[in-house]
Amino acid sequence: MECERVRKLIPLVSGGDGEIEETSLVERHISVCSSCNTLYQQYLSDREALKTLSSPSIPPSVEEKLKNLVETSLIQQRKKRAPLTVRIIRKITGVALIVVAILAFLFYMGREEPLQEEKPPEGVVERVEYKRMMNRAVENASIEENEKTTPAKREKCRLLDSADTSHFDF
């Protein structure tokens, strides 16, 4: 298990790209493991051999041909672009779609559903209870909005809000 981990780190450490902990782990391991040490030494010698190589030179005629090929390819790609009018129409269409989406969003967000008016109960007692309950609800709403409301009034409102009104037939 240790050899697997070290073998994955050897390319980094041999090139000087390993972190301090990784480097110390590899150095400790290769001091006791001959196969990992051989691999590490092989990486070091390969790196030294690569440093001695010189970069190849490209003959001027080949370099000129490559430049001409690249320029020709770029010119052909530019010719394949859509005409200016088509590009302008595409941009205008995109902007129009965005504007329509924003207007639709604003229209639907600005709409408020009309409040449905509740019908009071039929009987006299139920109507009186209903009226008293509606007055309390209005009072509770105005008390919650009022900054000078005392904690006692807030508690009263909380109790009234939690009252059981299921016997009313709305």
N, C-alpha and C. Protein backbone atom coordinates (compact mmCIF):
# COMPACT_ATOMS: atom_id res chain seq x y z
N MET A 1 0.83 -1.20 0.00
CA MET A 1 0.00 0.00 0.00
C MET A 1 0.88 1.25 0.00
N GLU A 2 1.94 1.22 0.80
CA GLU A 2 2.86 2.36 0.87
C GLU A 2 3.58 2.56 -0.46
N CYS A 3 3.98 1.45 -1.09
CA CYS A 3 4.68 1.54 -2.38
C CYS A 3 3.80 2.18 -3.44
N GLU A 4 2.51 1.82 -3.46
CA GLU A 4 1.60 2.41 -4.45
C GLU A 4 1.55 3.92 -4.31
N ARG A 5 1.40 4.36 -3.09
CA ARG A 5 1.29 5.81 -2.84
C ARG A 5 2.60 6.51 -3.23
N VAL A 6 3.72 5.93 -2.86
CA VAL A 6 5.01 6.54 -3.16
C VAL A 6 5.26 6.56 -4.66
N ARG A 7 4.89 5.50 -5.38
CA ARG A 7 5.11 5.45 -6.83
C ARG A 7 4.29 6.52 -7.56
N LYS A 8 3.14 6.87 -6.98
CA LYS A 8 2.36 7.96 -7.58
C LYS A 8 3.01 9.32 -7.32
N LEU A 9 3.76 9.43 -6.23
CA LEU A 9 4.39 10.71 -5.87
C LEU A 9 5.79 10.89 -6.48
N ILE A 10 6.41 9.81 -6.89
CA ILE A 10 7.80 9.89 -7.40
C ILE A 10 7.93 10.86 -8.57
N PRO A 11 7.04 10.86 -9.58
CA PRO A 11 7.21 11.83 -10.67
C PRO A 11 7.19 13.28 -10.19
N LEU A 12 6.34 13.59 -9.23
CA LEU A 12 6.28 14.96 -8.71
C LEU A 12 7.55 15.31 -7.93
N VAL A 13 7.92 14.41 -7.04
CA VAL A 13 9.08 14.69 -6.17
C VAL A 13 10.37 14.74 -6.97
N SER A 14 10.53 13.86 -7.97
CA SER A 14 11.76 13.84 -8.76
C SER A 14 11.91 15.14 -9.57
N GLY A 15 10.80 15.78 -9.91
CA GLY A 15 10.87 17.03 -10.65
C GLY A 15 10.89 18.25 -9.75
N GLY A 16 10.82 18.04 -8.44
CA GLY A 16 10.85 19.15 -7.50
C GLY A 16 9.50 19.81 -7.32
N ASP A 17 8.43 19.13 -7.74
CA ASP A 17 7.09 19.72 -7.64
C ASP A 17 6.29 19.20 -6.46
N GLY A 18 6.83 18.30 -5.67
CA GLY A 18 6.10 17.74 -4.54
C GLY A 18 6.10 18.68 -3.35
N GLU A 19 5.08 18.52 -2.52
CA GLU A 19 5.03 19.32 -1.29
C GLU A 19 6.04 18.76 -0.29
N ILE A 20 6.29 19.49 0.78
CA ILE A 20 7.31 19.10 1.75
C ILE A 20 6.99 17.74 2.37
N GLU A 21 5.72 17.53 2.73
CA GLU A 21 5.33 16.26 3.35
C GLU A 21 5.51 15.11 2.38
N GLU A 22 5.12 15.34 1.10
CA GLU A 22 5.25 14.30 0.09
C GLU A 22 6.72 13.95 -0.16
N THR A 23 7.55 14.98 -0.23
CA THR A 23 8.97 14.77 -0.46
C THR A 23 9.60 13.97 0.67
N SER A 24 9.26 14.33 1.90
CA SER A 24 9.85 13.60 3.03
C SER A 24 9.34 12.17 3.08
N LEU A 25 8.06 11.94 2.72
CA LEU A 25 7.53 10.57 2.68
C LEU A 25 8.27 9.74 1.65
N VAL A 26 8.49 10.30 0.46
CA VAL A 26 9.19 9.56 -0.61
C VAL A 26 10.64 9.28 -0.19
N GLU A 27 11.31 10.27 0.37
CA GLU A 27 12.71 10.08 0.77
C GLU A 27 12.84 9.01 1.85
N ARG A 28 11.91 9.01 2.82
CA ARG A 28 11.96 7.98 3.86
C ARG A 28 11.72 6.60 3.26
N HIS A 29 10.76 6.52 2.35
CA HIS A 29 10.40 5.22 1.77
C HIS A 29 11.50 4.67 0.87
N ILE A 30 12.09 5.52 0.02
CA ILE A 30 13.11 5.00 -0.90
C ILE A 30 14.39 4.63 -0.15
N SER A 31 14.54 5.10 1.08
CA SER A 31 15.73 4.70 1.85
C SER A 31 15.60 3.26 2.34
N VAL A 32 14.36 2.73 2.38
CA VAL A 32 14.18 1.35 2.86
C VAL A 32 13.66 0.42 1.76
N CYS A 33 13.13 0.94 0.65
CA CYS A 33 12.55 0.11 -0.40
C CYS A 33 13.41 0.22 -1.66
N SER A 34 14.03 -0.87 -2.06
CA SER A 34 14.97 -0.84 -3.19
C SER A 34 14.25 -0.67 -4.53
N SER A 35 13.05 -1.27 -4.69
CA SER A 35 12.36 -1.15 -5.98
C SER A 35 11.89 0.30 -6.20
N CYS A 36 11.39 0.96 -5.18
CA CYS A 36 10.96 2.36 -5.31
C CYS A 36 12.17 3.27 -5.50
N ASN A 37 13.30 2.92 -4.85
CA ASN A 37 14.52 3.70 -5.00
C ASN A 37 15.02 3.61 -6.44
N THR A 38 14.94 2.41 -7.04
CA THR A 38 15.36 2.22 -8.43
C THR A 38 14.49 3.07 -9.35
N LEU A 39 13.17 3.04 -9.11
CA LEU A 39 12.26 3.85 -9.92
C LEU A 39 12.57 5.34 -9.78
N TYR A 40 12.83 5.78 -8.57
CA TYR A 40 13.15 7.19 -8.31
C TYR A 40 14.43 7.59 -9.04
N GLN A 41 15.45 6.75 -8.98
CA GLN A 41 16.72 7.04 -9.65
C GLN A 41 16.53 7.07 -11.17
N GLN A 42 15.66 6.20 -11.70
CA GLN A 42 15.38 6.19 -13.13
C GLN A 42 14.72 7.50 -13.56
N TYR A 43 13.76 7.99 -12.75
CA TYR A 43 13.12 9.27 -13.05
C TYR A 43 14.14 10.40 -13.04
N LEU A 44 15.04 10.40 -12.07
CA LEU A 44 16.06 11.46 -12.00
C LEU A 44 16.96 11.42 -13.23
N SER A 45 17.40 10.23 -13.63
CA SER A 45 18.29 10.14 -14.81
C SER A 45 17.54 10.52 -16.09
N ASP A 46 16.26 10.16 -16.20
CA ASP A 46 15.48 10.55 -17.38
C ASP A 46 15.33 12.07 -17.45
N ARG A 47 15.11 12.69 -16.32
CA ARG A 47 14.98 14.15 -16.30
C ARG A 47 16.29 14.82 -16.73
N GLU A 48 17.41 14.30 -16.29
CA GLU A 48 18.69 14.86 -16.69
C GLU A 48 18.92 14.68 -18.19
N ALA A 49 18.52 13.53 -18.71
CA ALA A 49 18.69 13.28 -20.15
C ALA A 49 17.81 14.22 -20.96
N LEU A 50 16.61 14.51 -20.48
CA LEU A 50 15.73 15.44 -21.20
C LEU A 50 16.29 16.85 -21.22
N LYS A 51 17.02 17.22 -20.18
CA LYS A 51 17.60 18.57 -20.14
C LYS A 51 18.69 18.75 -21.21
N THR A 52 19.32 17.68 -21.61
CA THR A 52 20.40 17.80 -22.59
C THR A 52 19.88 17.92 -24.02
N LEU A 53 18.62 17.60 -24.25
CA LEU A 53 18.06 17.70 -25.60
C LEU A 53 17.90 19.16 -26.01
N SER A 54 18.12 19.41 -27.28
CA SER A 54 17.92 20.77 -27.79
C SER A 54 16.59 20.81 -28.53
N SER A 55 16.03 21.98 -28.62
CA SER A 55 14.75 22.10 -29.31
C SER A 55 14.99 22.03 -30.81
N PRO A 56 14.09 21.36 -31.52
CA PRO A 56 14.30 21.22 -32.98
C PRO A 56 14.07 22.55 -33.68
N SER A 57 14.79 22.74 -34.76
CA SER A 57 14.60 23.96 -35.53
C SER A 57 13.73 23.65 -36.74
N ILE A 58 12.84 24.56 -37.05
CA ILE A 58 11.94 24.39 -38.19
C ILE A 58 12.53 25.17 -39.36
N PRO A 59 12.64 24.52 -40.50
CA PRO A 59 13.16 25.23 -41.67
C PRO A 59 12.23 26.40 -42.02
N PRO A 60 12.79 27.53 -42.47
CA PRO A 60 11.97 28.71 -42.78
C PRO A 60 10.86 28.44 -43.79
N SER A 61 11.10 27.56 -44.75
CA SER A 61 10.07 27.30 -45.76
C SER A 61 8.86 26.60 -45.13
N VAL A 62 9.08 25.67 -44.20
CA VAL A 62 7.99 24.97 -43.52
C VAL A 62 7.23 25.95 -42.62
N GLU A 63 7.98 26.81 -41.96
CA GLU A 63 7.35 27.80 -41.08
C GLU A 63 6.44 28.73 -41.89
N GLU A 64 6.90 29.15 -43.05
CA GLU A 64 6.10 30.03 -43.91
C GLU A 64 4.85 29.32 -44.40
N LYS A 65 4.96 28.05 -44.77
CA LYS A 65 3.80 27.29 -45.22
C LYS A 65 2.76 27.16 -44.10
N LEU A 66 3.22 26.91 -42.88
CA LEU A 66 2.31 26.79 -41.74
C LEU A 66 1.57 28.10 -41.49
N LYS A 67 2.28 29.21 -41.56
CA LYS A 67 1.64 30.51 -41.36
C LYS A 67 0.57 30.75 -42.41
N ASN A 68 0.89 30.43 -43.68
CA ASN A 68 -0.09 30.62 -44.77
C ASN A 68 -1.32 29.75 -44.56
N LEU A 69 -1.12 28.50 -44.13
CA LEU A 69 -2.25 27.61 -43.88
C LEU A 69 -3.16 28.14 -42.77
N VAL A 70 -2.56 28.64 -41.72
CA VAL A 70 -3.34 29.18 -40.60
C VAL A 70 -4.10 30.42 -41.04
N GLU A 71 -3.45 31.31 -41.77
CA GLU A 71 -4.13 32.52 -42.24
C GLU A 71 -5.29 32.17 -43.17
N THR A 72 -5.09 31.22 -44.08
CA THR A 72 -6.15 30.80 -45.00
C THR A 72 -7.32 30.21 -44.22
N SER A 73 -7.02 29.41 -43.23
CA SER A 73 -8.08 28.80 -42.41
C SER A 73 -8.88 29.88 -41.66
N LEU A 74 -8.19 30.87 -41.12
CA LEU A 74 -8.88 31.95 -40.40
C LEU A 74 -9.77 32.77 -41.33
N ILE A 75 -9.28 33.04 -42.54
CA ILE A 75 -10.07 33.80 -43.52
C ILE A 75 -11.32 33.03 -43.89
N GLN A 76 -11.22 31.73 -44.09
CA GLN A 76 -12.38 30.92 -44.43
C GLN A 76 -13.40 30.89 -43.28
N GLN A 77 -12.91 30.83 -42.07
CA GLN A 77 -13.83 30.84 -40.92
C GLN A 77 -14.57 32.17 -40.83
N ARG A 78 -13.90 33.28 -41.11
CA ARG A 78 -14.55 34.59 -41.07
C ARG A 78 -15.63 34.70 -42.14
N LYS A 79 -15.39 34.10 -43.29
CA LYS A 79 -16.37 34.16 -44.37
C LYS A 79 -17.62 33.36 -44.01
N LYS A 80 -17.51 32.35 -43.18
CA LYS A 80 -18.64 31.52 -42.81
C LYS A 80 -19.56 32.20 -41.80
N ARG A 81 -19.17 33.31 -41.23
CA ARG A 81 -20.01 34.01 -40.27
C ARG A 81 -21.28 34.49 -40.94
N ALA A 82 -22.33 34.59 -40.16
CA ALA A 82 -23.62 35.05 -40.68
C ALA A 82 -23.49 36.51 -41.09
N PRO A 83 -24.27 36.92 -42.08
CA PRO A 83 -24.25 38.33 -42.50
C PRO A 83 -24.64 39.25 -41.34
N LEU A 84 -24.24 40.50 -41.47
CA LEU A 84 -24.47 41.48 -40.42
C LEU A 84 -25.94 41.62 -40.07
N THR A 85 -26.81 41.64 -41.07
CA THR A 85 -28.24 41.81 -40.80
C THR A 85 -28.79 40.65 -39.99
N VAL A 86 -28.34 39.44 -40.29
CA VAL A 86 -28.81 38.27 -39.54
C VAL A 86 -28.34 38.36 -38.09
N ARG A 87 -27.11 38.77 -37.88
CA ARG A 87 -26.60 38.90 -36.51
C ARG A 87 -27.36 39.97 -35.75
N ILE A 88 -27.67 41.09 -36.41
CA ILE A 88 -28.43 42.16 -35.74
C ILE A 88 -29.82 41.68 -35.39
N ILE A 89 -30.47 40.98 -36.31
CA ILE A 89 -31.82 40.46 -36.05
C ILE A 89 -31.80 39.48 -34.88
N ARG A 90 -30.79 38.65 -34.80
CA ARG A 90 -30.68 37.71 -33.68
C ARG A 90 -30.55 38.45 -32.35
N LYS A 91 -29.74 39.50 -32.33
CA LYS A 91 -29.57 40.26 -31.09
C LYS A 91 -30.85 40.97 -30.70
N ILE A 92 -31.53 41.57 -31.66
CA ILE A 92 -32.79 42.27 -31.38
C ILE A 92 -33.82 41.28 -30.85
N THR A 93 -33.89 40.10 -31.44
CA THR A 93 -34.83 39.07 -30.98
C THR A 93 -34.52 38.66 -29.54
N GLY A 94 -33.27 38.49 -29.24
CA GLY A 94 -32.88 38.12 -27.87
C GLY A 94 -33.27 39.19 -26.87
N VAL A 95 -33.00 40.44 -27.21
CA VAL A 95 -33.36 41.55 -26.31
C VAL A 95 -34.88 41.62 -26.15
N ALA A 96 -35.62 41.43 -27.24
CA ALA A 96 -37.09 41.48 -27.16
C ALA A 96 -37.61 40.37 -26.26
N LEU A 97 -37.05 39.19 -26.35
CA LEU A 97 -37.48 38.10 -25.48
C LEU A 97 -37.22 38.41 -24.01
N ILE A 98 -36.08 39.01 -23.74
CA ILE A 98 -35.76 39.37 -22.35
C ILE A 98 -36.74 40.42 -21.84
N VAL A 99 -37.05 41.41 -22.66
CA VAL A 99 -38.00 42.46 -22.26
C VAL A 99 -39.37 41.87 -22.00
N VAL A 100 -39.83 40.96 -22.87
CA VAL A 100 -41.14 40.33 -22.68
C VAL A 100 -41.15 39.53 -21.38
N ALA A 101 -40.07 38.82 -21.10
CA ALA A 101 -40.00 38.03 -19.87
C ALA A 101 -40.06 38.94 -18.64
N ILE A 102 -39.36 40.06 -18.68
CA ILE A 102 -39.36 40.99 -17.55
C ILE A 102 -40.74 41.60 -17.36
N LEU A 103 -41.38 42.00 -18.47
CA LEU A 103 -42.72 42.58 -18.36
C LEU A 103 -43.73 41.57 -17.83
N ALA A 104 -43.64 40.33 -18.28
CA ALA A 104 -44.55 39.30 -17.78
C ALA A 104 -44.33 39.08 -16.29
N PHE A 105 -43.09 39.06 -15.88
CA PHE A 105 -42.78 38.90 -14.46
C PHE A 105 -43.36 40.04 -13.63
N LEU A 106 -43.15 41.27 -14.11
CA LEU A 106 -43.66 42.44 -13.39
C LEU A 106 -45.19 42.45 -13.37
N PHE A 107 -45.82 42.04 -14.45
CA PHE A 107 -47.27 42.02 -14.52
C PHE A 107 -47.84 41.03 -13.50
N TYR A 108 -47.29 39.83 -13.47
CA TYR A 108 -47.83 38.82 -12.57
C TYR A 108 -47.44 39.08 -11.12
N MET A 109 -46.32 39.71 -10.87
CA MET A 109 -45.93 40.02 -9.49
C MET A 109 -46.75 41.18 -8.95
N GLY A 110 -47.17 42.09 -9.82
CA GLY A 110 -47.94 43.26 -9.38
C GLY A 110 -49.40 42.96 -9.15
N ARG A 111 -49.88 41.85 -9.68
CA ARG A 111 -51.29 41.50 -9.51
C ARG A 111 -51.56 41.02 -8.10
N GLU A 112 -52.60 41.53 -7.54
CA GLU A 112 -53.04 41.06 -6.24
C GLU A 112 -54.42 40.46 -6.42
N GLU A 113 -54.63 39.34 -5.84
CA GLU A 113 -55.93 38.70 -5.91
C GLU A 113 -56.91 39.52 -5.08
N PRO A 114 -58.10 39.80 -5.61
CA PRO A 114 -59.08 40.55 -4.83
C PRO A 114 -59.54 39.73 -3.62
N LEU A 115 -59.73 40.43 -2.51
CA LEU A 115 -60.18 39.76 -1.31
C LEU A 115 -61.63 39.32 -1.49
N GLN A 116 -61.88 38.11 -1.10
CA GLN A 116 -63.24 37.61 -1.19
C GLN A 116 -63.98 38.01 0.08
N GLU A 117 -65.09 38.60 -0.12
CA GLU A 117 -65.86 39.07 1.03
C GLU A 117 -66.57 37.87 1.66
N GLU A 118 -66.40 37.77 2.97
CA GLU A 118 -67.02 36.66 3.68
C GLU A 118 -68.47 36.99 3.99
N LYS A 119 -69.29 35.97 3.93
CA LYS A 119 -70.70 36.16 4.27
C LYS A 119 -70.87 35.88 5.75
N PRO A 120 -71.54 36.79 6.46
CA PRO A 120 -71.75 36.55 7.89
C PRO A 120 -72.75 35.41 8.09
N PRO A 121 -72.70 34.76 9.25
CA PRO A 121 -73.63 33.68 9.55
C PRO A 121 -75.08 34.18 9.56
N GLU A 122 -76.01 33.24 9.47
CA GLU A 122 -77.42 33.57 9.35
C GLU A 122 -78.07 33.99 10.67
N GLY A 123 -77.84 33.27 11.76
CA GLY A 123 -78.54 33.53 13.02
C GLY A 123 -78.06 34.80 13.70
N VAL A 124 -78.90 35.35 14.62
CA VAL A 124 -78.57 36.59 15.33
C VAL A 124 -77.36 36.39 16.22
N VAL A 125 -77.35 35.32 17.01
CA VAL A 125 -76.23 35.06 17.93
C VAL A 125 -74.94 34.85 17.14
N GLU A 126 -75.04 34.08 16.07
CA GLU A 126 -73.84 33.84 15.27
C GLU A 126 -73.33 35.12 14.64
N ARG A 127 -74.24 36.00 14.20
CA ARG A 127 -73.81 37.27 13.61
C ARG A 127 -73.10 38.14 14.63
N VAL A 128 -73.61 38.17 15.86
CA VAL A 128 -72.98 38.98 16.91
C VAL A 128 -71.59 38.44 17.20
N GLU A 129 -71.47 37.11 17.34
CA GLU A 129 -70.16 36.49 17.60
C GLU A 129 -69.20 36.74 16.43
N TYR A 130 -69.74 36.63 15.24
CA TYR A 130 -68.93 36.85 14.04
C TYR A 130 -68.41 38.28 14.00
N LYS A 131 -69.28 39.25 14.30
CA LYS A 131 -68.89 40.66 14.29
C LYS A 131 -67.83 40.92 15.35
N ARG A 132 -68.01 40.33 16.54
CA ARG A 132 -67.04 40.50 17.62
C ARG A 132 -65.69 39.91 17.20
N MET A 133 -65.74 38.74 16.59
CA MET A 133 -64.51 38.09 16.16
C MET A 133 -63.80 38.91 15.07
N MET A 134 -64.55 39.46 14.11
CA MET A 134 -63.95 40.28 13.06
C MET A 134 -63.35 41.56 13.63
N ASN A 135 -64.03 42.17 14.60
CA ASN A 135 -63.47 43.37 15.24
C ASN A 135 -62.16 43.05 15.94
N ARG A 136 -62.11 41.90 16.62
CA ARG A 136 -60.87 41.49 17.29
C ARG A 136 -59.75 41.27 16.27
N ALA A 137 -60.11 40.67 15.14
CA ALA A 137 -59.10 40.43 14.11
C ALA A 137 -58.53 41.74 13.59
N VAL A 138 -59.42 42.72 13.35
CA VAL A 138 -58.96 44.04 12.89
C VAL A 138 -58.11 44.69 13.97
N GLU A 139 -58.54 44.57 15.21
CA GLU A 139 -57.79 45.14 16.33
C GLU A 139 -56.43 44.48 16.44
N ASN A 140 -56.39 43.16 16.27
CA ASN A 140 -55.12 42.43 16.35
C ASN A 140 -54.17 42.87 15.24
N ALA A 141 -54.71 43.05 14.06
CA ALA A 141 -53.88 43.47 12.94
C ALA A 141 -53.31 44.86 13.18
N SER A 142 -54.13 45.74 13.70
CA SER A 142 -53.64 47.10 13.94
C SER A 142 -52.69 47.14 15.12
N ILE A 143 -52.88 46.26 16.10
CA ILE A 143 -51.99 46.23 17.25
C ILE A 143 -50.61 45.73 16.82
N GLU A 144 -50.56 44.72 15.95
CA GLU A 144 -49.28 44.19 15.49
C GLU A 144 -48.49 45.24 14.73
N GLU A 145 -49.17 46.13 14.01
CA GLU A 145 -48.49 47.16 13.23
C GLU A 145 -48.06 48.34 14.10
N ASN A 146 -48.68 48.51 15.25
CA ASN A 146 -48.41 49.64 16.12
C ASN A 146 -47.15 49.36 16.93
N GLU A 147 -46.21 50.30 16.91
CA GLU A 147 -44.95 50.12 17.62
C GLU A 147 -45.11 50.30 19.13
N LYS A 148 -46.16 51.01 19.58
CA LYS A 148 -46.32 51.32 21.00
C LYS A 148 -47.16 50.27 21.73
N THR A 149 -47.42 49.15 21.09
CA THR A 149 -48.23 48.11 21.70
C THR A 149 -47.47 47.48 22.87
N THR A 150 -48.17 47.27 23.97
CA THR A 150 -47.55 46.68 25.16
C THR A 150 -47.49 45.17 25.02
N PRO A 151 -46.60 44.54 25.77
CA PRO A 151 -46.52 43.08 25.71
C PRO A 151 -47.83 42.41 26.13
N ALA A 152 -48.55 43.00 27.05
CA ALA A 152 -49.82 42.41 27.48
C ALA A 152 -50.82 42.38 26.32
N LYS A 153 -50.88 43.47 25.55
CA LYS A 153 -51.80 43.49 24.40
C LYS A 153 -51.35 42.49 23.35
N ARG A 154 -50.06 42.35 23.16
CA ARG A 154 -49.58 41.37 22.19
C ARG A 154 -49.96 39.95 22.62
N GLU A 155 -49.85 39.66 23.91
CA GLU A 155 -50.23 38.35 24.41
C GLU A 155 -51.72 38.11 24.22
N LYS A 156 -52.54 39.14 24.48
CA LYS A 156 -53.99 39.04 24.28
C LYS A 156 -54.28 38.74 22.81
N CYS A 157 -53.58 39.41 21.93
CA CYS A 157 -53.78 39.17 20.49
C CYS A 157 -53.39 37.75 20.12
N ARG A 158 -52.28 37.29 20.70
CA ARG A 158 -51.84 35.93 20.41
C ARG A 158 -52.89 34.92 20.86
N LEU A 159 -53.48 35.14 22.05
CA LEU A 159 -54.51 34.23 22.56
C LEU A 159 -55.75 34.27 21.68
N LEU A 160 -56.13 35.48 21.26
CA LEU A 160 -57.31 35.59 20.41
C LEU A 160 -57.07 34.93 19.05
N ASP A 161 -55.86 35.06 18.53
CA ASP A 161 -55.56 34.44 17.25
C ASP A 161 -55.62 32.92 17.33
N SER A 162 -55.23 32.38 18.48
CA SER A 162 -55.22 30.92 18.62
C SER A 162 -56.56 30.36 19.07
N ALA A 163 -57.57 31.23 19.27
CA ALA A 163 -58.89 30.77 19.73
C ALA A 163 -59.53 29.86 18.69
N ASP A 164 -60.32 28.93 19.18
CA ASP A 164 -60.99 27.97 18.31
C ASP A 164 -62.22 28.63 17.70
N THR A 165 -62.21 28.81 16.40
CA THR A 165 -63.36 29.40 15.70
C THR A 165 -64.02 28.39 14.77
N SER A 166 -63.78 27.11 15.03
CA SER A 166 -64.28 26.08 14.13
C SER A 166 -65.81 25.96 14.16
N HIS A 167 -66.47 26.44 15.25
CA HIS A 167 -67.92 26.30 15.31
C HIS A 167 -68.65 27.33 14.43
N PHE A 168 -67.88 28.30 13.90
CA PHE A 168 -68.48 29.25 12.98
C PHE A 168 -68.50 28.64 11.59
N ASP A 169 -69.60 28.85 10.89
CA ASP A 169 -69.73 28.30 9.55
C ASP A 169 -69.48 29.41 8.54
N PHE A 170 -68.24 29.49 8.01
CA PHE A 170 -67.92 30.57 7.08
C PHE A 170 -68.16 30.14 5.67
